[in-house]
Amino acid sequence: MRWYHYPELADRETLIAMLRAGLSVRDICTNVGCTKTAVASAIRNHGIQRPFVEGLSDEMKKKLRL
């Protein structure tokens, strides 16, 4: 099955919430019941970038090399 067949992966906000909660890609695929490739594809297709936090200052982004 494709990533968009899983409601947790198809919903961007749900996926971001899981990532912010500290779940790894492996943890998410175990919880959802899909492959690591499906989780990685969902992250890529939703345009989610690491780190999975918002509101970083420009100075912090520079320090983290983002």
C-alpha atoms as a PDB file:
ATOM      1  CA  MET A   1       0.000   0.000   0.000  1.00  0.00           C
ATOM      2  CA  ARG A   2       1.066   3.566  -0.605  1.00  0.00           C
ATOM      3  CA  TRP A   3       1.644   6.132   2.154  1.00  0.00           C
ATOM      4  CA  TYR A   4      -1.578   7.977   1.341  1.00  0.00           C
ATOM      5  CA  HIS A   5      -3.623   4.849   2.087  1.00  0.00           C
ATOM      6  CA  TYR A   6      -2.742   5.229   5.780  1.00  0.00           C
ATOM      7  CA  PRO A   7      -4.839   7.976   7.459  1.00  0.00           C
ATOM      8  CA  GLU A   8      -2.057   8.769   9.946  1.00  0.00           C
ATOM      9  CA  LEU A   9       0.406   9.388   7.127  1.00  0.00           C
ATOM     10  CA  ALA A  10      -2.040  11.114   4.783  1.00  0.00           C
ATOM     11  CA  ASP A  11      -2.827  13.737   7.450  1.00  0.00           C
ATOM     12  CA  ARG A  12       0.128  16.120   7.638  1.00  0.00           C
ATOM     13  CA  GLU A  13      -0.720  17.405  11.123  1.00  0.00           C
ATOM     14  CA  THR A  14      -0.987  13.904  12.587  1.00  0.00           C
ATOM     15  CA  LEU A  15       2.352  12.943  11.092  1.00  0.00           C
ATOM     16  CA  ILE A  16       4.015  16.100  12.407  1.00  0.00           C
ATOM     17  CA  ALA A  17       2.528  15.465  15.855  1.00  0.00           C
ATOM     18  CA  MET A  18       4.042  11.982  15.929  1.00  0.00           C
ATOM     19  CA  LEU A  19       7.439  13.309  14.866  1.00  0.00           C
ATOM     20  CA  ARG A  20       7.318  16.115  17.450  1.00  0.00           C
ATOM     21  CA  ALA A  21       6.445  13.545  20.105  1.00  0.00           C
ATOM     22  CA  GLY A  22       9.852  12.037  19.418  1.00  0.00           C
ATOM     23  CA  LEU A  23       8.792   8.973  17.471  1.00  0.00           C
ATOM     24  CA  SER A  24      11.333   7.717  14.980  1.00  0.00           C
ATOM     25  CA  VAL A  25      10.422   6.591  11.477  1.00  0.00           C
ATOM     26  CA  ARG A  26      10.707   3.005  12.710  1.00  0.00           C
ATOM     27  CA  ASP A  27       8.391   3.731  15.679  1.00  0.00           C
ATOM     28  CA  ILE A  28       5.825   5.327  13.377  1.00  0.00           C
ATOM     29  CA  CYS A  29       5.854   2.434  10.924  1.00  0.00           C
ATOM     30  CA  THR A  30       5.402  -0.020  13.806  1.00  0.00           C
ATOM     31  CA  ASN A  31       2.468   1.968  15.235  1.00  0.00           C
ATOM     32  CA  VAL A  32       0.789   2.543  11.870  1.00  0.00           C
ATOM     33  CA  GLY A  33       1.544  -0.890  10.431  1.00  0.00           C
ATOM     34  CA  CYS A  34       3.357   0.225   7.308  1.00  0.00           C
ATOM     35  CA  THR A  35       6.881   0.198   5.911  1.00  0.00           C
ATOM     36  CA  LYS A  36       9.677   2.654   6.631  1.00  0.00           C
ATOM     37  CA  THR A  37       9.550   3.636   2.969  1.00  0.00           C
ATOM     38  CA  ALA A  38       5.901   4.674   3.328  1.00  0.00           C
ATOM     39  CA  VAL A  39       6.712   6.901   6.315  1.00  0.00           C
ATOM     40  CA  ALA A  40       9.712   8.443   4.551  1.00  0.00           C
ATOM     41  CA  SER A  41       7.606   9.067   1.430  1.00  0.00           C
ATOM     42  CA  ALA A  42       4.885  10.752   3.477  1.00  0.00           C
ATOM     43  CA  ILE A  43       7.443  13.003   5.170  1.00  0.00           C
ATOM     44  CA  ARG A  44       8.921  13.931   1.792  1.00  0.00           C
ATOM     45  CA  ASN A  45       5.553  14.473   0.074  1.00  0.00           C
ATOM     46  CA  HIS A  46       4.271  16.676   2.897  1.00  0.00           C
ATOM     47  CA  GLY A  47       7.444  18.764   2.692  1.00  0.00           C
ATOM     48  CA  ILE A  48       8.358  18.125   6.329  1.00  0.00           C
ATOM     49  CA  GLN A  49      11.970  18.896   7.112  1.00  0.00           C
ATOM     50  CA  ARG A  50      14.148  18.184  10.115  1.00  0.00           C
ATOM     51  CA  PRO A  51      14.215  19.261  12.832  1.00  0.00           C
ATOM     52  CA  PHE A  52      10.528  18.681  13.384  1.00  0.00           C
ATOM     53  CA  VAL A  53       9.985  21.896  15.300  1.00  0.00           C
ATOM     54  CA  GLU A  54       8.689  25.238  14.164  1.00  0.00           C
ATOM     55  CA  GLY A  55       9.621  28.728  15.118  1.00  0.00           C
ATOM     56  CA  LEU A  56      13.374  28.381  15.180  1.00  0.00           C
ATOM     57  CA  SER A  57      15.171  31.677  15.086  1.00  0.00           C
ATOM     58  CA  ASP A  58      17.543  32.416  12.221  1.00  0.00           C
ATOM     59  CA  GLU A  59      20.437  32.202  14.662  1.00  0.00           C
ATOM     60  CA  MET A  60      19.413  28.720  15.797  1.00  0.00           C
ATOM     61  CA  LYS A  61      18.912  27.562  12.190  1.00  0.00           C
ATOM     62  CA  LYS A  62      22.421  28.788  11.417  1.00  0.00           C
ATOM     63  CA  LYS A  63      23.824  26.896  14.417  1.00  0.00           C
ATOM     64  CA  LEU A  64      22.006  23.729  13.351  1.00  0.00           C
ATOM     65  CA  ARG A  65      23.080  24.302   9.744  1.00  0.00           C
ATOM     66  CA  LEU A  66      19.528  24.267   8.404  1.00  0.00           C
END
